[in-house]
Amino acid sequence: MIKPLLMLAVLILPLTATAYPSENDYGQPTDHKLEHLSKMLQLTPEQKTKLEAIFTEQHAKFRAIHEESHARIKEVLTPEQMQKMDEMRKEHMEKRQEKRGALKPSQP
């Protein structure tokens, strides 16, 4: 029971860290998310500023939770298990990147 929960936490926590606009793991600004919200909700400049602050704070909190969880997991797993888990995480991130690339419209 603990093993499936651990794997779920390992795979979900990195995703939550990128759930809100800020800067993603690839160094690309995600302002487009805020711009999309702004357009869809017709936000005022003041609302955009406040939402950006909220999203930035939330992103930092999720990142801290992820880092703490990673450290705690590292205390439980053997070095070999940790290496395998890191490889699994890397593969997961690569698949996400590939999927995102496939969804983007082609550049002229």
PDB file of N, CA and C in Angstrom:
ATOM      1  N   MET A   1       0.823  -1.197   0.000  1.00  0.00           N
ATOM      2  CA  MET A   1       0.000   0.000   0.000  1.00  0.00           C
ATOM      3  C   MET A   1       0.866   1.258   0.000  1.00  0.00           C
ATOM      4  N   ILE A   2       1.957   1.240   0.747  1.00  0.00           N
ATOM      5  CA  ILE A   2       2.811   2.420   0.836  1.00  0.00           C
ATOM      6  C   ILE A   2       3.538   2.659  -0.479  1.00  0.00           C
ATOM      7  N   LYS A   3       3.962   1.599  -1.143  1.00  0.00           N
ATOM      8  CA  LYS A   3       4.705   1.756  -2.395  1.00  0.00           C
ATOM      9  C   LYS A   3       3.884   2.484  -3.464  1.00  0.00           C
ATOM     10  N   PRO A   4       2.621   2.098  -3.696  1.00  0.00           N
ATOM     11  CA  PRO A   4       1.835   2.853  -4.688  1.00  0.00           C
ATOM     12  C   PRO A   4       1.624   4.314  -4.284  1.00  0.00           C
ATOM     13  N   LEU A   5       1.421   4.563  -3.002  1.00  0.00           N
ATOM     14  CA  LEU A   5       1.249   5.945  -2.541  1.00  0.00           C
ATOM     15  C   LEU A   5       2.521   6.748  -2.736  1.00  0.00           C
ATOM     16  N   LEU A   6       3.655   6.127  -2.484  1.00  0.00           N
ATOM     17  CA  LEU A   6       4.934   6.803  -2.667  1.00  0.00           C
ATOM     18  C   LEU A   6       5.142   7.160  -4.134  1.00  0.00           C
ATOM     19  N   MET A   7       4.861   6.229  -5.020  1.00  0.00           N
ATOM     20  CA  MET A   7       5.019   6.499  -6.447  1.00  0.00           C
ATOM     21  C   MET A   7       4.062   7.595  -6.907  1.00  0.00           C
ATOM     22  N   LEU A   8       2.844   7.569  -6.385  1.00  0.00           N
ATOM     23  CA  LEU A   8       1.877   8.600  -6.734  1.00  0.00           C
ATOM     24  C   LEU A   8       2.383   9.970  -6.297  1.00  0.00           C
ATOM     25  N   ALA A   9       2.913  10.050  -5.088  1.00  0.00           N
ATOM     26  CA  ALA A   9       3.445  11.318  -4.587  1.00  0.00           C
ATOM     27  C   ALA A   9       4.620  11.788  -5.433  1.00  0.00           C
ATOM     28  N   VAL A  10       5.478  10.873  -5.802  1.00  0.00           N
ATOM     29  CA  VAL A  10       6.658  11.223  -6.595  1.00  0.00           C
ATOM     30  C   VAL A  10       6.256  11.759  -7.964  1.00  0.00           C
ATOM     31  N   LEU A  11       5.242  11.189  -8.555  1.00  0.00           N
ATOM     32  CA  LEU A  11       4.832  11.615  -9.886  1.00  0.00           C
ATOM     33  C   LEU A  11       3.935  12.849  -9.875  1.00  0.00           C
ATOM     34  N   ILE A  12       3.156  13.026  -8.824  1.00  0.00           N
ATOM     35  CA  ILE A  12       2.221  14.153  -8.785  1.00  0.00           C
ATOM     36  C   ILE A  12       2.862  15.431  -8.274  1.00  0.00           C
ATOM     37  N   LEU A  13       3.723  15.354  -7.290  1.00  0.00           N
ATOM     38  CA  LEU A  13       4.295  16.578  -6.722  1.00  0.00           C
ATOM     39  C   LEU A  13       4.987  17.460  -7.746  1.00  0.00           C
ATOM     40  N   PRO A  14       5.770  16.919  -8.666  1.00  0.00           N
ATOM     41  CA  PRO A  14       6.365  17.821  -9.662  1.00  0.00           C
ATOM     42  C   PRO A  14       5.318  18.505 -10.539  1.00  0.00           C
ATOM     43  N   LEU A  15       4.206  17.843 -10.748  1.00  0.00           N
ATOM     44  CA  LEU A  15       3.154  18.440 -11.572  1.00  0.00           C
ATOM     45  C   LEU A  15       2.480  19.598 -10.863  1.00  0.00           C
ATOM     46  N   THR A  16       2.313  19.472  -9.544  1.00  0.00           N
ATOM     47  CA  THR A  16       1.659  20.555  -8.814  1.00  0.00           C
ATOM     48  C   THR A  16       2.526  21.794  -8.772  1.00  0.00           C
ATOM     49  N   ALA A  17       3.811  21.618  -8.838  1.00  0.00           N
ATOM     50  CA  ALA A  17       4.696  22.783  -8.798  1.00  0.00           C
ATOM     51  C   ALA A  17       4.570  23.635 -10.042  1.00  0.00           C
ATOM     52  N   THR A  18       4.038  23.064 -11.103  1.00  0.00           N
ATOM     53  CA  THR A  18       3.886  23.846 -12.332  1.00  0.00           C
ATOM     54  C   THR A  18       2.432  24.140 -12.638  1.00  0.00           C
ATOM     55  N   ALA A  19       1.578  24.016 -11.670  1.00  0.00           N
ATOM     56  CA  ALA A  19       0.157  24.220 -11.909  1.00  0.00           C
ATOM     57  C   ALA A  19      -0.240  25.682 -12.014  1.00  0.00           C
ATOM     58  N   TYR A  20       0.593  26.575 -11.570  1.00  0.00           N
ATOM     59  CA  TYR A  20       0.257  27.987 -11.575  1.00  0.00           C
ATOM     60  C   TYR A  20       1.310  28.782 -12.319  1.00  0.00           C
ATOM     61  N   PRO A  21       0.923  29.902 -12.903  1.00  0.00           N
ATOM     62  CA  PRO A  21       1.881  30.711 -13.659  1.00  0.00           C
ATOM     63  C   PRO A  21       3.042  31.187 -12.809  1.00  0.00           C
ATOM     64  N   SER A  22       4.192  31.097 -13.335  1.00  0.00           N
ATOM     65  CA  SER A  22       5.451  31.633 -12.799  1.00  0.00           C
ATOM     66  C   SER A  22       6.468  31.308 -13.865  1.00  0.00           C
ATOM     67  N   GLU A  23       7.553  30.676 -13.489  1.00  0.00           N
ATOM     68  CA  GLU A  23       8.505  30.228 -14.499  1.00  0.00           C
ATOM     69  C   GLU A  23       8.579  28.722 -14.402  1.00  0.00           C
ATOM     70  N   ASN A  24       8.447  28.045 -15.522  1.00  0.00           N
ATOM     71  CA  ASN A  24       8.437  26.597 -15.471  1.00  0.00           C
ATOM     72  C   ASN A  24       9.850  26.024 -15.397  1.00  0.00           C
ATOM     73  N   ASP A  25       9.926  24.706 -15.330  1.00  0.00           N
ATOM     74  CA  ASP A  25      11.209  24.027 -15.155  1.00  0.00           C
ATOM     75  C   ASP A  25      12.142  24.184 -16.345  1.00  0.00           C
ATOM     76  N   TYR A  26      11.640  24.655 -17.463  1.00  0.00           N
ATOM     77  CA  TYR A  26      12.467  24.793 -18.643  1.00  0.00           C
ATOM     78  C   TYR A  26      12.949  26.226 -18.819  1.00  0.00           C
ATOM     79  N   GLY A  27      12.674  27.094 -17.824  1.00  0.00           N
ATOM     80  CA  GLY A  27      13.127  28.469 -17.886  1.00  0.00           C
ATOM     81  C   GLY A  27      12.283  29.345 -18.784  1.00  0.00           C
ATOM     82  N   GLN A  28      11.149  28.825 -19.221  1.00  0.00           N
ATOM     83  CA  GLN A  28      10.277  29.604 -20.090  1.00  0.00           C
ATOM     84  C   GLN A  28       9.224  30.305 -19.236  1.00  0.00           C
ATOM     85  N   PRO A  29       8.989  31.582 -19.482  1.00  0.00           N
ATOM     86  CA  PRO A  29       7.953  32.264 -18.710  1.00  0.00           C
ATOM     87  C   PRO A  29       6.584  31.691 -19.042  1.00  0.00           C
ATOM     88  N   THR A  30       5.748  31.602 -18.040  1.00  0.00           N
ATOM     89  CA  THR A  30       4.400  31.097 -18.261  1.00  0.00           C
ATOM     90  C   THR A  30       3.386  32.218 -18.117  1.00  0.00           C
ATOM     91  N   ASP A  31       3.791  33.416 -18.468  1.00  0.00           N
ATOM     92  CA  ASP A  31       2.890  34.561 -18.431  1.00  0.00           C
ATOM     93  C   ASP A  31       1.699  34.352 -19.349  1.00  0.00           C
ATOM     94  N   HIS A  32       1.881  33.505 -20.370  1.00  0.00           N
ATOM     95  CA  HIS A  32       0.772  33.266 -21.294  1.00  0.00           C
ATOM     96  C   HIS A  32      -0.446  32.714 -20.575  1.00  0.00           C
ATOM     97  N   LYS A  33      -0.239  31.974 -19.477  1.00  0.00           N
ATOM     98  CA  LYS A  33      -1.370  31.460 -18.708  1.00  0.00           C
ATOM     99  C   LYS A  33      -2.137  32.612 -18.069  1.00  0.00           C
ATOM    100  N   LEU A  34      -1.397  33.538 -17.498  1.00  0.00           N
ATOM    101  CA  LEU A  34      -2.038  34.698 -16.892  1.00  0.00           C
ATOM    102  C   LEU A  34      -2.704  35.556 -17.963  1.00  0.00           C
ATOM    103  N   GLU A  35      -2.060  35.680 -19.098  1.00  0.00           N
ATOM    104  CA  GLU A  35      -2.652  36.449 -20.197  1.00  0.00           C
ATOM    105  C   GLU A  35      -3.942  35.789 -20.685  1.00  0.00           C
ATOM    106  N   HIS A  36      -3.931  34.465 -20.722  1.00  0.00           N
ATOM    107  CA  HIS A  36      -5.132  33.737 -21.134  1.00  0.00           C
ATOM    108  C   HIS A  36      -6.274  34.003 -20.149  1.00  0.00           C
ATOM    109  N   LEU A  37      -5.961  33.905 -18.853  1.00  0.00           N
ATOM    110  CA  LEU A  37      -6.973  34.208 -17.842  1.00  0.00           C
ATOM    111  C   LEU A  37      -7.464  35.640 -17.981  1.00  0.00           C
ATOM    112  N   SER A  38      -6.535  36.535 -18.191  1.00  0.00           N
ATOM    113  CA  SER A  38      -6.879  37.946 -18.325  1.00  0.00           C
ATOM    114  C   SER A  38      -7.855  38.165 -19.476  1.00  0.00           C
ATOM    115  N   LYS A  39      -7.573  37.526 -20.567  1.00  0.00           N
ATOM    116  CA  LYS A  39      -8.422  37.669 -21.752  1.00  0.00           C
ATOM    117  C   LYS A  39      -9.797  37.037 -21.519  1.00  0.00           C
ATOM    118  N   MET A  40      -9.804  35.830 -20.973  1.00  0.00           N
ATOM    119  CA  MET A  40     -11.059  35.107 -20.783  1.00  0.00           C
ATOM    120  C   MET A  40     -11.945  35.748 -19.714  1.00  0.00           C
ATOM    121  N   LEU A  41     -11.319  36.295 -18.670  1.00  0.00           N
ATOM    122  CA  LEU A  41     -12.077  36.864 -17.554  1.00  0.00           C
ATOM    123  C   LEU A  41     -12.153  38.383 -17.600  1.00  0.00           C
ATOM    124  N   GLN A  42     -11.496  38.971 -18.581  1.00  0.00           N
ATOM    125  CA  GLN A  42     -11.444  40.429 -18.713  1.00  0.00           C
ATOM    126  C   GLN A  42     -10.959  41.075 -17.406  1.00  0.00           C
ATOM    127  N   LEU A  43      -9.784  40.637 -16.967  1.00  0.00           N
ATOM    128  CA  LEU A  43      -9.213  41.140 -15.717  1.00  0.00           C
ATOM    129  C   LEU A  43      -8.729  42.573 -15.876  1.00  0.00           C
ATOM    130  N   THR A  44      -8.829  43.313 -14.791  1.00  0.00           N
ATOM    131  CA  THR A  44      -8.253  44.657 -14.770  1.00  0.00           C
ATOM    132  C   THR A  44      -6.760  44.511 -14.522  1.00  0.00           C
ATOM    133  N   PRO A  45      -5.968  45.539 -14.811  1.00  0.00           N
ATOM    134  CA  PRO A  45      -4.532  45.470 -14.506  1.00  0.00           C
ATOM    135  C   PRO A  45      -4.265  45.183 -13.024  1.00  0.00           C
ATOM    136  N   GLU A  46      -5.086  45.738 -12.154  1.00  0.00           N
ATOM    137  CA  GLU A  46      -4.919  45.498 -10.716  1.00  0.00           C
ATOM    138  C   GLU A  46      -5.175  44.028 -10.382  1.00  0.00           C
ATOM    139  N   GLN A  47      -6.201  43.447 -10.979  1.00  0.00           N
ATOM    140  CA  GLN A  47      -6.495  42.036 -10.748  1.00  0.00           C
ATOM    141  C   GLN A  47      -5.358  41.152 -11.258  1.00  0.00           C
ATOM    142  N   LYS A  48      -4.831  41.484 -12.436  1.00  0.00           N
ATOM    143  CA  LYS A  48      -3.712  40.714 -12.985  1.00  0.00           C
ATOM    144  C   LYS A  48      -2.519  40.744 -12.040  1.00  0.00           C
ATOM    145  N   THR A  49      -2.209  41.921 -11.514  1.00  0.00           N
ATOM    146  CA  THR A  49      -1.079  42.064 -10.597  1.00  0.00           C
ATOM    147  C   THR A  49      -1.293  41.225  -9.348  1.00  0.00           C
ATOM    148  N   LYS A  50      -2.495  41.276  -8.803  1.00  0.00           N
ATOM    149  CA  LYS A  50      -2.794  40.508  -7.588  1.00  0.00           C
ATOM    150  C   LYS A  50      -2.748  39.002  -7.859  1.00  0.00           C
ATOM    151  N   LEU A  51      -3.303  38.587  -8.993  1.00  0.00           N
ATOM    152  CA  LEU A  51      -3.268  37.161  -9.329  1.00  0.00           C
ATOM    153  C   LEU A  51      -1.842  36.675  -9.559  1.00  0.00           C
ATOM    154  N   GLU A  52      -1.047  37.490 -10.211  1.00  0.00           N
ATOM    155  CA  GLU A  52       0.346  37.109 -10.447  1.00  0.00           C
ATOM    156  C   GLU A  52       1.073  36.887  -9.125  1.00  0.00           C
ATOM    157  N   ALA A  53       0.823  37.755  -8.148  1.00  0.00           N
ATOM    158  CA  ALA A  53       1.447  37.597  -6.827  1.00  0.00           C
ATOM    159  C   ALA A  53       0.969  36.312  -6.155  1.00  0.00           C
ATOM    160  N   ILE A  54      -0.318  36.029  -6.272  1.00  0.00           N
ATOM    161  CA  ILE A  54      -0.867  34.804  -5.680  1.00  0.00           C
ATOM    162  C   ILE A  54      -0.244  33.577  -6.334  1.00  0.00           C
ATOM    163  N   PHE A  55      -0.188  33.573  -7.658  1.00  0.00           N
ATOM    164  CA  PHE A  55       0.375  32.432  -8.374  1.00  0.00           C
ATOM    165  C   PHE A  55       1.850  32.230  -8.047  1.00  0.00           C
ATOM    166  N   THR A  56       2.586  33.316  -7.945  1.00  0.00           N
ATOM    167  CA  THR A  56       4.014  33.229  -7.625  1.00  0.00           C
ATOM    168  C   THR A  56       4.210  32.645  -6.232  1.00  0.00           C
ATOM    169  N   GLU A  57       3.416  33.115  -5.281  1.00  0.00           N
ATOM    170  CA  GLU A  57       3.500  32.599  -3.909  1.00  0.00           C
ATOM    171  C   GLU A  57       3.128  31.120  -3.867  1.00  0.00           C
ATOM    172  N   GLN A  58       2.066  30.765  -4.566  1.00  0.00           N
ATOM    173  CA  GLN A  58       1.622  29.373  -4.590  1.00  0.00           C
ATOM    174  C   GLN A  58       2.681  28.469  -5.207  1.00  0.00           C
ATOM    175  N   HIS A  59       3.307  28.935  -6.270  1.00  0.00           N
ATOM    176  CA  HIS A  59       4.359  28.161  -6.922  1.00  0.00           C
ATOM    177  C   HIS A  59       5.514  27.904  -5.949  1.00  0.00           C
ATOM    178  N   ALA A  60       5.889  28.925  -5.204  1.00  0.00           N
ATOM    179  CA  ALA A  60       6.978  28.775  -4.233  1.00  0.00           C
ATOM    180  C   ALA A  60       6.605  27.756  -3.161  1.00  0.00           C
ATOM    181  N   LYS A  61       5.364  27.787  -2.714  1.00  0.00           N
ATOM    182  CA  LYS A  61       4.913  26.829  -1.695  1.00  0.00           C
ATOM    183  C   LYS A  61       4.949  25.404  -2.240  1.00  0.00           C
ATOM    184  N   PHE A  62       4.461  25.222  -3.462  1.00  0.00           N
ATOM    185  CA  PHE A  62       4.483  23.886  -4.055  1.00  0.00           C
ATOM    186  C   PHE A  62       5.911  23.391  -4.241  1.00  0.00           C
ATOM    187  N   ARG A  63       6.794  24.272  -4.650  1.00  0.00           N
ATOM    188  CA  ARG A  63       8.196  23.894  -4.830  1.00  0.00           C
ATOM    189  C   ARG A  63       8.805  23.467  -3.488  1.00  0.00           C
ATOM    190  N   ALA A  64       8.498  24.196  -2.423  1.00  0.00           N
ATOM    191  CA  ALA A  64       9.018  23.849  -1.099  1.00  0.00           C
ATOM    192  C   ALA A  64       8.489  22.488  -0.649  1.00  0.00           C
ATOM    193  N   ILE A  65       7.211  22.239  -0.888  1.00  0.00           N
ATOM    194  CA  ILE A  65       6.626  20.942  -0.536  1.00  0.00           C
ATOM    195  C   ILE A  65       7.314  19.833  -1.322  1.00  0.00           C
ATOM    196  N   HIS A  66       7.540  20.070  -2.594  1.00  0.00           N
ATOM    197  CA  HIS A  66       8.209  19.076  -3.440  1.00  0.00           C
ATOM    198  C   HIS A  66       9.617  18.782  -2.916  1.00  0.00           C
ATOM    199  N   GLU A  67      10.358  19.818  -2.603  1.00  0.00           N
ATOM    200  CA  GLU A  67      11.730  19.631  -2.123  1.00  0.00           C
ATOM    201  C   GLU A  67      11.755  18.899  -0.786  1.00  0.00           C
ATOM    202  N   GLU A  68      10.827  19.239   0.115  1.00  0.00           N
ATOM    203  CA  GLU A  68      10.769  18.559   1.411  1.00  0.00           C
ATOM    204  C   GLU A  68      10.420  17.085   1.222  1.00  0.00           C
ATOM    205  N   SER A  69       9.446  16.818   0.371  1.00  0.00           N
ATOM    206  CA  SER A  69       9.049  15.432   0.118  1.00  0.00           C
ATOM    207  C   SER A  69      10.195  14.637  -0.492  1.00  0.00           C
ATOM    208  N   HIS A  70      10.905  15.262  -1.425  1.00  0.00           N
ATOM    209  CA  HIS A  70      12.040  14.594  -2.060  1.00  0.00           C
ATOM    210  C   HIS A  70      13.098  14.233  -1.014  1.00  0.00           C
ATOM    211  N   ALA A  71      13.373  15.151  -0.107  1.00  0.00           N
ATOM    212  CA  ALA A  71      14.364  14.889   0.942  1.00  0.00           C
ATOM    213  C   ALA A  71      13.908  13.754   1.856  1.00  0.00           C
ATOM    214  N   ARG A  72      12.634  13.737   2.191  1.00  0.00           N
ATOM    215  CA  ARG A  72      12.110  12.682   3.061  1.00  0.00           C
ATOM    216  C   ARG A  72      12.136  11.334   2.359  1.00  0.00           C
ATOM    217  N   ILE A  73      11.804  11.325   1.087  1.00  0.00           N
ATOM    218  CA  ILE A  73      11.834  10.082   0.312  1.00  0.00           C
ATOM    219  C   ILE A  73      13.264   9.563   0.225  1.00  0.00           C
ATOM    220  N   LYS A  74      14.204  10.472   0.050  1.00  0.00           N
ATOM    221  CA  LYS A  74      15.616  10.099  -0.049  1.00  0.00           C
ATOM    222  C   LYS A  74      16.101   9.421   1.232  1.00  0.00           C
ATOM    223  N   GLU A  75      15.534   9.798   2.377  1.00  0.00           N
ATOM    224  CA  GLU A  75      15.897   9.175   3.652  1.00  0.00           C
ATOM    225  C   GLU A  75      15.391   7.740   3.742  1.00  0.00           C
ATOM    226  N   VAL A  76      14.315   7.438   3.025  1.00  0.00           N
ATOM    227  CA  VAL A  76      13.687   6.122   3.105  1.00  0.00           C
ATOM    228  C   VAL A  76      14.288   5.139   2.105  1.00  0.00           C
ATOM    229  N   LEU A  77      14.560   5.603   0.902  1.00  0.00           N
ATOM    230  CA  LEU A  77      15.029   4.717  -0.159  1.00  0.00           C
ATOM    231  C   LEU A  77      16.532   4.479  -0.093  1.00  0.00           C
ATOM    232  N   THR A  78      16.937   3.353  -0.652  1.00  0.00           N
ATOM    233  CA  THR A  78      18.367   3.084  -0.783  1.00  0.00           C
ATOM    234  C   THR A  78      18.902   3.955  -1.919  1.00  0.00           C
ATOM    235  N   PRO A  79      20.220   4.140  -2.006  1.00  0.00           N
ATOM    236  CA  PRO A  79      20.770   4.918  -3.125  1.00  0.00           C
ATOM    237  C   PRO A  79      20.373   4.352  -4.493  1.00  0.00           C
ATOM    238  N   GLU A  80      20.324   3.023  -4.601  1.00  0.00           N
ATOM    239  CA  GLU A  80      19.945   2.402  -5.867  1.00  0.00           C
ATOM    240  C   GLU A  80      18.485   2.699  -6.209  1.00  0.00           C
ATOM    241  N   GLN A  81      17.624   2.601  -5.201  1.00  0.00           N
ATOM    242  CA  GLN A  81      16.213   2.901  -5.417  1.00  0.00           C
ATOM    243  C   GLN A  81      16.019   4.371  -5.789  1.00  0.00           C
ATOM    244  N   MET A  82      16.762   5.225  -5.129  1.00  0.00           N
ATOM    245  CA  MET A  82      16.652   6.657  -5.404  1.00  0.00           C
ATOM    246  C   MET A  82      17.093   6.954  -6.831  1.00  0.00           C
ATOM    247  N   GLN A  83      18.166   6.302  -7.258  1.00  0.00           N
ATOM    248  CA  GLN A  83      18.649   6.492  -8.626  1.00  0.00           C
ATOM    249  C   GLN A  83      17.585   6.044  -9.629  1.00  0.00           C
ATOM    250  N   LYS A  84      16.974   4.892  -9.362  1.00  0.00           N
ATOM    251  CA  LYS A  84      15.941   4.392 -10.261  1.00  0.00           C
ATOM    252  C   LYS A  84      14.743   5.344 -10.278  1.00  0.00           C
ATOM    253  N   MET A  85      14.375   5.861  -9.122  1.00  0.00           N
ATOM    254  CA  MET A  85      13.253   6.792  -9.060  1.00  0.00           C
ATOM    255  C   MET A  85      13.571   8.082  -9.816  1.00  0.00           C
ATOM    256  N   ASP A  86      14.802   8.563  -9.686  1.00  0.00           N
ATOM    257  CA  ASP A  86      15.207   9.762 -10.429  1.00  0.00           C
ATOM    258  C   ASP A  86      15.138   9.520 -11.938  1.00  0.00           C
ATOM    259  N   GLU A  87      15.534   8.322 -12.359  1.00  0.00           N
ATOM    260  CA  GLU A  87      15.452   7.974 -13.780  1.00  0.00           C
ATOM    261  C   GLU A  87      13.996   7.936 -14.246  1.00  0.00           C
ATOM    262  N   MET A  88      13.120   7.380 -13.403  1.00  0.00           N
ATOM    263  CA  MET A  88      11.701   7.335 -13.733  1.00  0.00           C
ATOM    264  C   MET A  88      11.136   8.749 -13.855  1.00  0.00           C
ATOM    265  N   ARG A  89      11.533   9.608 -12.941  1.00  0.00           N
ATOM    266  CA  ARG A  89      11.064  10.992 -12.963  1.00  0.00           C
ATOM    267  C   ARG A  89      11.544  11.696 -14.236  1.00  0.00           C
ATOM    268  N   LYS A  90      12.805  11.443 -14.594  1.00  0.00           N
ATOM    269  CA  LYS A  90      13.365  12.061 -15.796  1.00  0.00           C
ATOM    270  C   LYS A  90      12.604  11.594 -17.037  1.00  0.00           C
ATOM    271  N   GLU A  91      12.329  10.293 -17.116  1.00  0.00           N
ATOM    272  CA  GLU A  91      11.568   9.759 -18.246  1.00  0.00           C
ATOM    273  C   GLU A  91      10.181  10.385 -18.314  1.00  0.00           C
ATOM    274  N   HIS A  92       9.559  10.549 -17.160  1.00  0.00           N
ATOM    275  CA  HIS A  92       8.230  11.161 -17.102  1.00  0.00           C
ATOM    276  C   HIS A  92       8.275  12.594 -17.629  1.00  0.00           C
ATOM    277  N   MET A  93       9.279  13.347 -17.215  1.00  0.00           N
ATOM    278  CA  MET A  93       9.415  14.734 -17.661  1.00  0.00           C
ATOM    279  C   MET A  93       9.682  14.797 -19.165  1.00  0.00           C
ATOM    280  N   GLU A  94      10.496  13.874 -19.673  1.00  0.00           N
ATOM    281  CA  GLU A  94      10.783  13.844 -21.110  1.00  0.00           C
ATOM    282  C   GLU A  94       9.517  13.552 -21.910  1.00  0.00           C
ATOM    283  N   LYS A  95       8.701  12.632 -21.417  1.00  0.00           N
ATOM    284  CA  LYS A  95       7.450  12.321 -22.101  1.00  0.00           C
ATOM    285  C   LYS A  95       6.518  13.529 -22.092  1.00  0.00           C
ATOM    286  N   ARG A  96       6.498  14.262 -20.982  1.00  0.00           N
ATOM    287  CA  ARG A  96       5.674  15.476 -20.914  1.00  0.00           C
ATOM    288  C   ARG A  96       6.157  16.506 -21.924  1.00  0.00           C
ATOM    289  N   GLN A  97       7.482  16.655 -22.033  1.00  0.00           N
ATOM    290  CA  GLN A  97       8.038  17.613 -22.995  1.00  0.00           C
ATOM    291  C   GLN A  97       7.672  17.211 -24.420  1.00  0.00           C
ATOM    292  N   GLU A  98       7.795  15.919 -24.722  1.00  0.00           N
ATOM    293  CA  GLU A  98       7.451  15.433 -26.056  1.00  0.00           C
ATOM    294  C   GLU A  98       5.983  15.694 -26.360  1.00  0.00           C
ATOM    295  N   LYS A  99       5.139  15.443 -25.375  1.00  0.00           N
ATOM    296  CA  LYS A  99       3.705  15.653 -25.568  1.00  0.00           C
ATOM    297  C   LYS A  99       3.413  17.134 -25.790  1.00  0.00           C
ATOM    298  N   ARG A 100       4.047  17.992 -25.021  1.00  0.00           N
ATOM    299  CA  ARG A 100       3.860  19.429 -25.198  1.00  0.00           C
ATOM    300  C   ARG A 100       4.341  19.876 -26.570  1.00  0.00           C
ATOM    301  N   GLY A 101       5.459  19.341 -27.009  1.00  0.00           N
ATOM    302  CA  GLY A 101       5.987  19.696 -28.322  1.00  0.00           C
ATOM    303  C   GLY A 101       5.053  19.269 -29.435  1.00  0.00           C
ATOM    304  N   ALA A 102       4.411  18.128 -29.257  1.00  0.00           N
ATOM    305  CA  ALA A 102       3.486  17.630 -30.275  1.00  0.00           C
ATOM    306  C   ALA A 102       2.218  18.468 -30.330  1.00  0.00           C
ATOM    307  N   LEU A 103       1.863  19.102 -29.223  1.00  0.00           N
ATOM    308  CA  LEU A 103       0.647  19.900 -29.177  1.00  0.00           C
ATOM    309  C   LEU A 103       0.841  21.309 -29.714  1.00  0.00           C
ATOM    310  N   LYS A 104       2.089  21.781 -29.775  1.00  0.00           N
ATOM    311  CA  LYS A 104       2.355  23.139 -30.238  1.00  0.00           C
ATOM    312  C   LYS A 104       2.188  23.213 -31.752  1.00  0.00           C
ATOM    313  N   PRO A 105       1.620  24.322 -32.229  1.00  0.00           N
ATOM    314  CA  PRO A 105       1.525  24.475 -33.687  1.00  0.00           C
ATOM    315  C   PRO A 105       2.909  24.621 -34.292  1.00  0.00           C
ATOM    316  N   SER A 106       3.054  24.156 -35.509  1.00  0.00           N
ATOM    317  CA  SER A 106       4.364  24.228 -36.158  1.00  0.00           C
ATOM    318  C   SER A 106       4.740  25.671 -36.449  1.00  0.00           C
ATOM    319  N   GLN A 107       6.027  25.965 -36.341  1.00  0.00           N
ATOM    320  CA  GLN A 107       6.547  27.305 -36.592  1.00  0.00           C
ATOM    321  C   GLN A 107       6.828  27.460 -38.078  1.00  0.00           C
ATOM    322  N   PRO A 108       6.564  28.653 -38.659  1.00  0.00           N
ATOM    323  CA  PRO A 108       6.839  28.846 -40.090  1.00  0.00           C
ATOM    324  C   PRO A 108       8.312  28.882 -40.390  1.00  0.00           C
TER     325      PRO A 108
END
